[in-house]
């Protein structure tokens, strides 16, 4: 037996990321926590974030044309949650959460130094969808904390203890199940 529900945002879990924005050289910086994000293209590499136009970061991203997606870890979950419920109009989120705003390597916006991965993007388009507008971001470059790169150059995501978000709750990830193509790999 199945229950029938009205249309809603039931897809989950989704990544919980901290999006940093602003103009590093001018000392402008903010963080918005986003759960509506994902990869949309591989060549050119692109991702999206969906933001309500009423959010403080919306105008910053629209004006500067840049943002950075910073992966959230178990250690950063408290800060991610706090940055998601407090407004940058009222708080210096970097200062309040003891996070380091570092100069981006590929853009003029700040990145979060404590995040293991920062994906810097240039806004390619803004698509009004209703409650949210989708920022299509072309990925300018990715910086990865070298502590999470093994001797073979592999990014060890599992060591970062990433988190996801599902219907108001945060969850840790990390159980290895298999890699792409394992279902059709020939058995030895």
N, C-alpha and C. Protein backbone atom coordinates (compact mmCIF):
# COMPACT_ATOMS: atom_id res chain seq x y z
N UNK A 1 0.85 -1.18 0.00
CA UNK A 1 0.00 0.00 0.00
C UNK A 1 0.89 1.24 0.00
N UNK A 2 0.53 2.23 -0.79
CA UNK A 2 1.26 3.50 -0.85
C UNK A 2 0.35 4.65 -0.49
N UNK A 3 0.93 5.66 0.14
CA UNK A 3 0.20 6.90 0.41
C UNK A 3 0.43 7.84 -0.76
N UNK A 4 -0.56 8.64 -1.08
CA UNK A 4 -0.45 9.62 -2.15
C UNK A 4 -0.30 11.01 -1.53
N UNK A 5 0.73 11.73 -1.94
CA UNK A 5 1.02 13.06 -1.42
C UNK A 5 0.95 14.07 -2.54
N UNK A 6 0.75 15.32 -2.18
CA UNK A 6 0.78 16.41 -3.16
C UNK A 6 2.23 16.59 -3.64
N UNK A 7 2.44 17.27 -4.77
CA UNK A 7 3.81 17.51 -5.23
C UNK A 7 4.64 18.20 -4.15
N UNK A 8 5.88 17.76 -3.98
CA UNK A 8 6.75 18.34 -2.96
C UNK A 8 8.20 17.98 -3.20
N UNK A 9 9.04 18.49 -2.35
CA UNK A 9 10.48 18.29 -2.49
C UNK A 9 10.93 17.08 -1.67
N UNK A 10 10.50 15.91 -2.08
CA UNK A 10 10.76 14.68 -1.34
C UNK A 10 12.10 14.05 -1.70
N UNK A 11 12.70 14.47 -2.83
CA UNK A 11 13.96 13.88 -3.24
C UNK A 11 15.02 14.12 -2.18
N UNK A 12 15.64 13.08 -1.75
CA UNK A 12 16.67 13.21 -0.73
C UNK A 12 17.28 11.87 -0.47
N UNK A 13 18.39 11.81 0.18
CA UNK A 13 19.13 12.93 0.74
C UNK A 13 19.85 13.72 -0.34
N UNK A 14 20.22 14.94 0.00
CA UNK A 14 20.94 15.83 -0.89
C UNK A 14 22.17 16.35 -0.15
N UNK A 15 23.17 16.84 -0.88
CA UNK A 15 24.33 17.38 -0.17
C UNK A 15 23.97 18.66 0.58
N UNK A 16 24.54 18.83 1.73
CA UNK A 16 24.41 20.09 2.48
C UNK A 16 25.75 20.79 2.30
N UNK A 17 25.73 21.93 1.61
CA UNK A 17 26.98 22.65 1.33
C UNK A 17 26.89 24.07 1.86
N UNK A 18 28.05 24.64 2.10
CA UNK A 18 28.11 26.05 2.47
C UNK A 18 28.63 26.81 1.26
N UNK A 19 27.80 27.73 0.77
CA UNK A 19 28.18 28.53 -0.38
C UNK A 19 28.71 29.86 0.13
N UNK A 20 29.95 30.14 -0.23
CA UNK A 20 30.53 31.43 0.16
C UNK A 20 30.45 32.38 -1.03
N UNK A 21 30.31 33.65 -0.70
CA UNK A 21 30.17 34.66 -1.74
C UNK A 21 30.69 35.99 -1.21
N UNK A 22 30.86 36.92 -2.12
CA UNK A 22 31.33 38.24 -1.76
C UNK A 22 32.51 38.65 -2.62
N UNK A 23 33.18 39.69 -2.18
CA UNK A 23 34.36 40.21 -2.87
C UNK A 23 35.50 40.22 -1.86
N UNK A 24 36.38 39.25 -1.96
CA UNK A 24 37.44 39.08 -0.97
C UNK A 24 38.29 40.34 -0.82
N UNK A 25 38.65 40.96 -1.94
CA UNK A 25 39.53 42.13 -1.90
C UNK A 25 38.88 43.30 -1.17
N UNK A 26 37.55 43.39 -1.22
CA UNK A 26 36.83 44.48 -0.55
C UNK A 26 36.41 44.10 0.87
N UNK A 27 36.75 42.89 1.29
CA UNK A 27 36.39 42.44 2.63
C UNK A 27 34.94 42.01 2.76
N UNK A 28 34.25 41.87 1.65
CA UNK A 28 32.85 41.42 1.67
C UNK A 28 32.82 39.90 1.64
N UNK A 29 32.09 39.32 2.61
CA UNK A 29 32.03 37.86 2.67
C UNK A 29 30.74 37.42 3.35
N UNK A 30 30.22 36.33 2.87
CA UNK A 30 29.03 35.73 3.49
C UNK A 30 29.00 34.25 3.16
N UNK A 31 28.19 33.53 3.93
CA UNK A 31 27.97 32.10 3.73
C UNK A 31 26.47 31.85 3.75
N UNK A 32 25.99 31.09 2.81
CA UNK A 32 24.61 30.61 2.81
C UNK A 32 24.65 29.09 2.71
N UNK A 33 23.89 28.43 3.53
CA UNK A 33 23.82 26.96 3.47
C UNK A 33 22.78 26.58 2.43
N UNK A 34 23.16 25.68 1.56
CA UNK A 34 22.32 25.27 0.43
C UNK A 34 22.22 23.74 0.43
N UNK A 35 21.01 23.24 0.23
CA UNK A 35 20.83 21.81 0.04
C UNK A 35 20.35 21.52 -1.38
N UNK A 36 19.98 22.55 -2.10
CA UNK A 36 19.53 22.35 -3.48
C UNK A 36 20.66 22.73 -4.41
N UNK A 37 21.50 21.73 -4.68
CA UNK A 37 22.67 21.90 -5.52
C UNK A 37 23.00 20.58 -6.19
N UNK A 38 23.73 20.66 -7.26
CA UNK A 38 24.15 19.43 -7.92
C UNK A 38 24.89 19.71 -9.21
N UNK A 39 25.47 18.67 -9.76
CA UNK A 39 26.18 18.71 -11.02
C UNK A 39 25.17 18.77 -12.16
N UNK A 40 25.45 19.59 -13.17
CA UNK A 40 24.53 19.65 -14.31
C UNK A 40 25.22 19.42 -15.64
N UNK A 41 26.55 19.47 -15.69
CA UNK A 41 27.24 19.28 -16.96
C UNK A 41 28.70 18.94 -16.69
N UNK A 42 29.30 18.18 -17.61
CA UNK A 42 30.71 17.84 -17.41
C UNK A 42 31.65 18.62 -18.32
N UNK A 43 31.20 19.06 -19.50
CA UNK A 43 32.07 19.82 -20.39
C UNK A 43 31.28 20.91 -21.07
N UNK A 44 31.34 22.15 -20.59
CA UNK A 44 32.17 22.59 -19.48
C UNK A 44 31.59 22.12 -18.15
N UNK A 45 32.48 21.99 -17.17
CA UNK A 45 32.04 21.55 -15.84
C UNK A 45 31.13 22.62 -15.25
N UNK A 46 29.93 22.21 -14.85
CA UNK A 46 28.94 23.15 -14.31
C UNK A 46 28.17 22.51 -13.16
N UNK A 47 27.68 23.37 -12.27
CA UNK A 47 26.78 22.95 -11.21
C UNK A 47 25.74 24.03 -11.02
N UNK A 48 24.78 23.74 -10.16
CA UNK A 48 23.76 24.75 -9.88
C UNK A 48 23.57 24.88 -8.38
N UNK A 49 23.06 26.04 -7.98
CA UNK A 49 22.53 26.24 -6.64
C UNK A 49 21.21 26.96 -6.81
N UNK A 50 20.25 26.65 -5.98
CA UNK A 50 18.96 27.35 -6.00
C UNK A 50 18.85 28.19 -4.73
N UNK A 51 18.52 29.48 -4.91
CA UNK A 51 18.50 30.43 -3.81
C UNK A 51 17.22 31.26 -3.89
N UNK A 52 16.60 31.49 -2.74
CA UNK A 52 15.45 32.39 -2.69
C UNK A 52 15.93 33.83 -2.92
N UNK A 53 15.25 34.60 -3.76
CA UNK A 53 15.66 35.98 -4.00
C UNK A 53 15.67 36.85 -2.74
N UNK A 54 14.94 36.47 -1.71
CA UNK A 54 14.91 37.26 -0.47
C UNK A 54 16.16 37.06 0.39
N UNK A 55 16.97 36.09 0.08
CA UNK A 55 18.16 35.81 0.89
C UNK A 55 19.24 36.86 0.64
N UNK A 56 19.97 37.18 1.68
CA UNK A 56 21.04 38.18 1.61
C UNK A 56 22.08 37.81 0.56
N UNK A 57 22.43 36.55 0.47
CA UNK A 57 23.46 36.11 -0.48
C UNK A 57 23.01 36.21 -1.93
N UNK A 58 21.72 36.19 -2.17
CA UNK A 58 21.20 36.23 -3.54
C UNK A 58 21.74 37.45 -4.29
N UNK A 59 21.58 38.62 -3.71
CA UNK A 59 22.02 39.86 -4.36
C UNK A 59 23.54 39.90 -4.49
N UNK A 60 24.25 39.36 -3.50
CA UNK A 60 25.72 39.35 -3.57
C UNK A 60 26.17 38.50 -4.76
N UNK A 61 25.60 37.31 -4.89
CA UNK A 61 25.98 36.41 -5.99
C UNK A 61 25.59 37.02 -7.33
N UNK A 62 24.41 37.60 -7.39
CA UNK A 62 23.94 38.22 -8.63
C UNK A 62 24.86 39.38 -9.03
N UNK A 63 25.25 40.20 -8.08
CA UNK A 63 26.09 41.37 -8.36
C UNK A 63 27.52 40.99 -8.72
N UNK A 64 28.12 40.06 -7.96
CA UNK A 64 29.52 39.70 -8.20
C UNK A 64 29.69 38.70 -9.34
N UNK A 65 28.64 37.90 -9.57
CA UNK A 65 28.71 36.88 -10.62
C UNK A 65 29.57 35.69 -10.25
N UNK A 66 29.82 35.51 -8.95
CA UNK A 66 30.66 34.40 -8.50
C UNK A 66 30.16 33.83 -7.18
N UNK A 67 30.50 32.57 -6.95
CA UNK A 67 30.24 31.91 -5.67
C UNK A 67 31.14 30.69 -5.58
N UNK A 68 31.28 30.17 -4.37
CA UNK A 68 32.06 28.94 -4.17
C UNK A 68 31.22 27.97 -3.35
N UNK A 69 31.17 26.73 -3.80
CA UNK A 69 30.51 25.66 -3.07
C UNK A 69 31.57 24.97 -2.23
N UNK A 70 31.38 24.99 -0.92
CA UNK A 70 32.33 24.40 0.03
C UNK A 70 31.68 23.17 0.65
N UNK A 71 32.31 22.00 0.48
CA UNK A 71 31.71 20.78 1.01
C UNK A 71 31.66 20.81 2.54
N UNK A 72 30.60 20.27 3.07
CA UNK A 72 30.38 20.23 4.51
C UNK A 72 30.74 18.86 5.05
N UNK A 73 31.41 18.86 6.18
CA UNK A 73 31.82 17.63 6.84
C UNK A 73 31.08 17.51 8.17
N UNK A 74 31.23 16.37 8.83
CA UNK A 74 30.63 16.22 10.15
C UNK A 74 31.12 17.33 11.08
N UNK A 75 32.41 17.66 11.00
CA UNK A 75 32.97 18.70 11.87
C UNK A 75 32.41 20.09 11.55
N UNK A 76 31.92 20.29 10.33
CA UNK A 76 31.39 21.60 9.92
C UNK A 76 29.86 21.68 9.99
N UNK A 77 29.21 20.61 10.40
CA UNK A 77 27.75 20.57 10.35
C UNK A 77 27.10 21.63 11.25
N UNK A 78 27.62 21.85 12.43
CA UNK A 78 27.06 22.87 13.32
C UNK A 78 27.12 24.23 12.64
N UNK A 79 28.27 24.56 12.06
CA UNK A 79 28.43 25.84 11.37
C UNK A 79 27.50 25.93 10.16
N UNK A 80 27.38 24.84 9.42
CA UNK A 80 26.48 24.84 8.25
C UNK A 80 25.04 25.10 8.67
N UNK A 81 24.61 24.45 9.74
CA UNK A 81 23.25 24.66 10.21
C UNK A 81 23.06 26.10 10.67
N UNK A 82 23.99 26.61 11.46
CA UNK A 82 23.90 27.98 11.97
C UNK A 82 23.86 28.98 10.82
N UNK A 83 24.72 28.78 9.83
CA UNK A 83 24.76 29.68 8.67
C UNK A 83 23.49 29.58 7.83
N UNK A 84 22.76 28.49 7.99
CA UNK A 84 21.50 28.32 7.27
C UNK A 84 20.31 28.96 7.94
N UNK A 85 20.43 29.26 9.23
CA UNK A 85 19.28 29.84 9.95
C UNK A 85 19.51 31.30 10.35
N UNK A 86 20.73 31.78 10.21
CA UNK A 86 21.04 33.18 10.53
C UNK A 86 21.31 33.94 9.24
N UNK A 87 21.02 35.23 9.24
CA UNK A 87 21.21 36.04 8.05
C UNK A 87 22.52 36.81 8.10
N UNK A 88 23.18 36.88 6.96
CA UNK A 88 24.38 37.68 6.82
C UNK A 88 24.11 39.17 6.94
N UNK A 89 22.84 39.56 6.86
CA UNK A 89 22.48 40.97 7.10
C UNK A 89 22.77 41.35 8.55
N UNK A 90 22.67 40.35 9.43
CA UNK A 90 22.78 40.60 10.87
C UNK A 90 24.06 40.07 11.50
N UNK A 91 24.74 39.16 10.85
CA UNK A 91 25.90 38.50 11.46
C UNK A 91 27.04 38.36 10.46
N UNK A 92 28.25 38.40 10.98
CA UNK A 92 29.44 37.99 10.23
C UNK A 92 29.55 36.49 10.46
N UNK A 93 29.08 35.71 9.53
CA UNK A 93 29.02 34.26 9.72
C UNK A 93 30.39 33.62 9.85
N UNK A 94 31.36 34.13 9.11
CA UNK A 94 32.72 33.60 9.25
C UNK A 94 33.20 33.81 10.69
N UNK A 95 33.04 35.03 11.19
CA UNK A 95 33.50 35.35 12.54
C UNK A 95 32.74 34.59 13.61
N UNK A 96 31.42 34.54 13.49
CA UNK A 96 30.59 33.87 14.49
C UNK A 96 30.89 32.37 14.59
N UNK A 97 31.24 31.75 13.47
CA UNK A 97 31.49 30.31 13.45
C UNK A 97 32.98 29.97 13.44
N UNK A 98 33.83 30.98 13.65
CA UNK A 98 35.29 30.78 13.66
C UNK A 98 35.78 30.09 12.41
N UNK A 99 35.25 30.51 11.27
CA UNK A 99 35.68 29.97 9.98
C UNK A 99 36.63 30.97 9.32
N UNK A 100 37.55 30.47 8.54
CA UNK A 100 38.54 31.30 7.88
C UNK A 100 38.12 31.59 6.45
N UNK A 101 37.95 32.88 6.14
CA UNK A 101 37.68 33.29 4.76
C UNK A 101 39.01 33.41 4.05
N UNK A 102 39.27 32.52 3.11
CA UNK A 102 40.52 32.55 2.36
C UNK A 102 40.23 33.08 0.96
N UNK A 103 41.22 33.68 0.36
CA UNK A 103 41.07 34.18 -1.01
C UNK A 103 40.93 32.99 -1.94
N UNK A 104 39.93 33.06 -2.81
CA UNK A 104 39.76 32.00 -3.80
C UNK A 104 40.96 31.92 -4.73
N UNK A 105 41.19 30.74 -5.24
CA UNK A 105 42.31 30.52 -6.16
C UNK A 105 41.95 30.84 -7.61
N UNK A 106 40.64 30.80 -7.91
CA UNK A 106 40.18 30.94 -9.29
C UNK A 106 39.18 32.08 -9.47
N UNK A 107 38.78 32.72 -8.38
CA UNK A 107 37.76 33.76 -8.43
C UNK A 107 38.08 34.84 -7.40
N UNK A 108 37.24 35.86 -7.38
CA UNK A 108 37.41 36.94 -6.41
C UNK A 108 36.61 36.74 -5.14
N UNK A 109 35.89 35.63 -5.04
CA UNK A 109 35.08 35.42 -3.83
C UNK A 109 35.86 34.60 -2.81
N UNK A 110 35.47 34.70 -1.55
CA UNK A 110 36.16 33.92 -0.51
C UNK A 110 35.76 32.45 -0.57
N UNK A 111 36.66 31.61 -0.08
CA UNK A 111 36.34 30.20 0.14
C UNK A 111 36.48 29.94 1.63
N UNK A 112 35.96 28.82 2.09
CA UNK A 112 36.04 28.45 3.50
C UNK A 112 37.25 27.53 3.67
N UNK A 113 38.27 28.02 4.33
CA UNK A 113 39.53 27.29 4.48
C UNK A 113 39.33 25.94 5.16
N UNK A 114 38.39 25.84 6.09
CA UNK A 114 38.18 24.60 6.84
C UNK A 114 37.47 23.52 6.03
N UNK A 115 36.91 23.87 4.91
CA UNK A 115 36.23 22.88 4.06
C UNK A 115 37.28 22.09 3.28
N UNK A 116 37.10 20.78 3.14
CA UNK A 116 38.09 19.98 2.41
C UNK A 116 38.10 20.24 0.91
N UNK A 117 36.98 20.72 0.37
CA UNK A 117 36.87 20.98 -1.06
C UNK A 117 36.10 22.27 -1.28
N UNK A 118 36.65 23.15 -2.10
CA UNK A 118 35.97 24.37 -2.50
C UNK A 118 35.90 24.41 -4.02
N UNK A 119 34.69 24.60 -4.54
CA UNK A 119 34.44 24.60 -5.98
C UNK A 119 34.04 26.03 -6.36
N UNK A 120 34.94 26.74 -7.02
CA UNK A 120 34.69 28.13 -7.36
C UNK A 120 34.00 28.22 -8.72
N UNK A 121 32.96 29.06 -8.76
CA UNK A 121 32.11 29.14 -9.95
C UNK A 121 31.87 30.57 -10.40
N UNK A 122 31.65 30.69 -11.68
CA UNK A 122 31.21 31.94 -12.29
C UNK A 122 29.77 31.74 -12.71
N UNK A 123 28.91 32.71 -12.40
CA UNK A 123 27.50 32.59 -12.75
C UNK A 123 27.35 32.70 -14.26
N UNK A 124 26.79 31.68 -14.85
CA UNK A 124 26.56 31.67 -16.29
C UNK A 124 25.15 32.12 -16.64
N UNK A 125 24.21 31.83 -15.74
CA UNK A 125 22.82 32.22 -15.98
C UNK A 125 22.06 32.15 -14.67
N UNK A 126 20.98 32.90 -14.60
CA UNK A 126 20.07 32.85 -13.46
C UNK A 126 18.70 32.55 -14.02
N UNK A 127 18.10 31.47 -13.55
CA UNK A 127 16.80 31.05 -14.07
C UNK A 127 15.76 31.19 -12.96
N UNK A 128 14.82 32.15 -13.09
CA UNK A 128 13.74 32.27 -12.11
C UNK A 128 12.80 31.07 -12.23
N UNK A 129 12.56 30.39 -11.11
CA UNK A 129 11.73 29.19 -11.15
C UNK A 129 10.46 29.30 -10.31
N UNK A 130 10.34 30.31 -9.50
CA UNK A 130 9.23 30.43 -8.55
C UNK A 130 9.80 30.87 -7.22
N UNK A 131 9.68 30.01 -6.22
CA UNK A 131 10.20 30.36 -4.89
C UNK A 131 11.71 30.55 -4.88
N UNK A 132 12.41 29.89 -5.79
CA UNK A 132 13.86 29.95 -5.88
C UNK A 132 14.29 30.33 -7.30
N UNK A 133 15.48 30.90 -7.38
CA UNK A 133 16.10 31.13 -8.68
C UNK A 133 17.33 30.22 -8.74
N UNK A 134 17.52 29.61 -9.89
CA UNK A 134 18.64 28.71 -10.06
C UNK A 134 19.81 29.46 -10.67
N UNK A 135 20.95 29.44 -9.97
CA UNK A 135 22.18 30.00 -10.49
C UNK A 135 22.94 28.86 -11.17
N UNK A 136 23.16 28.98 -12.48
CA UNK A 136 23.97 28.01 -13.19
C UNK A 136 25.40 28.50 -13.09
N UNK A 137 26.25 27.68 -12.50
CA UNK A 137 27.63 28.08 -12.28
C UNK A 137 28.60 27.27 -13.10
N UNK A 138 29.43 27.96 -13.88
CA UNK A 138 30.50 27.27 -14.58
C UNK A 138 31.67 27.16 -13.61
N UNK A 139 32.17 25.96 -13.45
CA UNK A 139 33.24 25.71 -12.48
C UNK A 139 34.55 26.25 -13.04
N UNK A 140 35.12 27.20 -12.30
CA UNK A 140 36.39 27.82 -12.69
C UNK A 140 37.57 26.97 -12.23
N UNK A 141 37.41 26.31 -11.10
CA UNK A 141 38.47 25.48 -10.55
C UNK A 141 38.07 24.92 -9.20
N UNK A 142 38.79 23.91 -8.77
CA UNK A 142 38.50 23.22 -7.52
C UNK A 142 39.78 23.18 -6.69
N UNK A 143 39.68 23.54 -5.42
CA UNK A 143 40.83 23.40 -4.52
C UNK A 143 40.49 22.35 -3.47
N UNK A 144 41.45 21.46 -3.22
CA UNK A 144 41.25 20.32 -2.33
C UNK A 144 42.34 20.33 -1.27
N UNK A 145 41.94 20.17 -0.02
CA UNK A 145 42.90 20.08 1.09
C UNK A 145 43.77 18.85 0.87
N UNK A 146 45.08 19.04 0.80
CA UNK A 146 46.01 17.95 0.49
C UNK A 146 45.99 16.82 1.51
N UNK A 147 45.44 17.06 2.70
CA UNK A 147 45.34 15.97 3.69
C UNK A 147 44.43 14.85 3.21
N UNK A 148 43.57 15.15 2.22
CA UNK A 148 42.62 14.16 1.74
C UNK A 148 43.00 13.58 0.37
N UNK A 149 44.25 13.77 -0.02
CA UNK A 149 44.76 13.20 -1.27
C UNK A 149 45.75 12.10 -0.90
N UNK A 150 45.51 10.88 -1.41
CA UNK A 150 46.43 9.78 -1.06
C UNK A 150 47.67 9.82 -1.95
N UNK A 151 48.58 8.89 -1.73
CA UNK A 151 49.86 8.88 -2.46
C UNK A 151 49.69 8.66 -3.96
N UNK A 152 48.52 8.16 -4.39
CA UNK A 152 48.25 7.95 -5.81
C UNK A 152 47.50 9.11 -6.44
N UNK A 153 47.28 10.18 -5.66
CA UNK A 153 46.57 11.35 -6.18
C UNK A 153 45.06 11.23 -6.12
N UNK A 154 44.56 10.21 -5.44
CA UNK A 154 43.11 10.00 -5.32
C UNK A 154 42.55 10.84 -4.17
N UNK A 155 41.44 11.52 -4.44
CA UNK A 155 40.74 12.25 -3.39
C UNK A 155 39.98 11.25 -2.53
N UNK A 156 40.26 11.23 -1.24
CA UNK A 156 39.65 10.28 -0.31
C UNK A 156 38.46 10.95 0.38
N UNK A 157 37.37 11.04 -0.34
CA UNK A 157 36.16 11.70 0.16
C UNK A 157 35.71 11.12 1.50
N UNK A 158 35.81 9.81 1.64
CA UNK A 158 35.34 9.16 2.86
C UNK A 158 36.07 9.67 4.10
N UNK A 159 37.31 10.08 3.95
CA UNK A 159 38.08 10.59 5.09
C UNK A 159 37.59 11.96 5.57
N UNK A 160 36.87 12.68 4.71
CA UNK A 160 36.35 14.01 5.09
C UNK A 160 35.11 13.90 5.98
N UNK A 161 34.50 12.72 6.02
CA UNK A 161 33.25 12.48 6.75
C UNK A 161 32.16 13.45 6.27
N UNK A 162 31.78 13.32 4.97
CA UNK A 162 30.78 14.23 4.39
C UNK A 162 29.40 14.02 5.00
N UNK A 163 28.55 15.02 4.85
CA UNK A 163 27.19 14.94 5.37
C UNK A 163 26.19 15.22 4.25
N UNK A 164 24.97 14.77 4.49
CA UNK A 164 23.86 15.07 3.59
C UNK A 164 22.69 15.56 4.43
N UNK A 165 21.68 16.04 3.74
CA UNK A 165 20.52 16.64 4.39
C UNK A 165 19.27 15.98 3.84
N UNK A 166 18.37 15.62 4.70
CA UNK A 166 17.12 15.01 4.26
C UNK A 166 15.98 15.45 5.17
N UNK A 167 15.11 16.27 4.61
CA UNK A 167 13.88 16.69 5.29
C UNK A 167 14.12 17.21 6.70
N UNK A 168 15.04 18.18 6.77
CA UNK A 168 15.30 18.85 8.04
C UNK A 168 16.31 18.18 8.94
N UNK A 169 16.96 17.12 8.47
CA UNK A 169 17.92 16.39 9.31
C UNK A 169 19.22 16.16 8.56
N UNK A 170 20.33 16.21 9.31
CA UNK A 170 21.67 15.97 8.76
C UNK A 170 22.08 14.53 9.06
N UNK A 171 22.76 13.92 8.08
CA UNK A 171 23.23 12.56 8.24
C UNK A 171 24.67 12.44 7.78
N UNK A 172 25.44 11.63 8.48
CA UNK A 172 26.80 11.33 8.05
C UNK A 172 26.77 10.26 6.98
N UNK A 173 27.77 10.28 6.13
CA UNK A 173 27.91 9.29 5.06
C UNK A 173 29.21 8.54 5.25
N UNK A 174 29.46 7.56 4.45
CA UNK A 174 30.77 6.97 4.50
C UNK A 174 30.86 5.48 4.26
N UNK A 175 29.78 4.75 4.28
CA UNK A 175 29.86 3.31 4.06
C UNK A 175 30.10 3.04 2.58
N UNK A 176 31.20 2.40 2.26
CA UNK A 176 31.53 2.08 0.88
C UNK A 176 30.67 0.92 0.41
N UNK A 177 30.06 1.09 -0.76
CA UNK A 177 29.21 0.04 -1.34
C UNK A 177 29.82 -0.52 -2.62
N UNK A 178 30.38 0.31 -3.44
CA UNK A 178 30.98 -0.12 -4.69
C UNK A 178 31.32 1.10 -5.53
N UNK A 179 32.06 0.86 -6.62
CA UNK A 179 32.38 1.98 -7.50
C UNK A 179 31.64 1.82 -8.81
N UNK A 180 31.59 2.91 -9.57
CA UNK A 180 30.86 2.91 -10.83
C UNK A 180 31.23 1.68 -11.67
N UNK A 181 30.22 0.96 -12.11
CA UNK A 181 30.41 -0.21 -12.95
C UNK A 181 30.56 -1.53 -12.21
N UNK A 182 30.53 -1.50 -10.88
CA UNK A 182 30.74 -2.74 -10.13
C UNK A 182 29.65 -3.77 -10.41
N UNK A 183 28.47 -3.33 -10.82
CA UNK A 183 27.36 -4.26 -11.06
C UNK A 183 27.57 -5.11 -12.31
N UNK A 184 28.41 -4.65 -13.21
CA UNK A 184 28.63 -5.41 -14.46
C UNK A 184 30.07 -5.92 -14.59
N UNK A 185 30.89 -5.69 -13.59
CA UNK A 185 32.27 -6.13 -13.63
C UNK A 185 32.33 -7.65 -13.63
N UNK A 186 33.21 -8.19 -14.45
CA UNK A 186 33.38 -9.65 -14.51
C UNK A 186 34.03 -10.13 -13.23
N UNK A 187 33.52 -11.20 -12.73
CA UNK A 187 34.06 -11.81 -11.50
C UNK A 187 35.31 -12.60 -11.85
N UNK A 188 36.28 -12.54 -11.00
CA UNK A 188 37.54 -13.27 -11.23
C UNK A 188 37.47 -14.66 -10.69
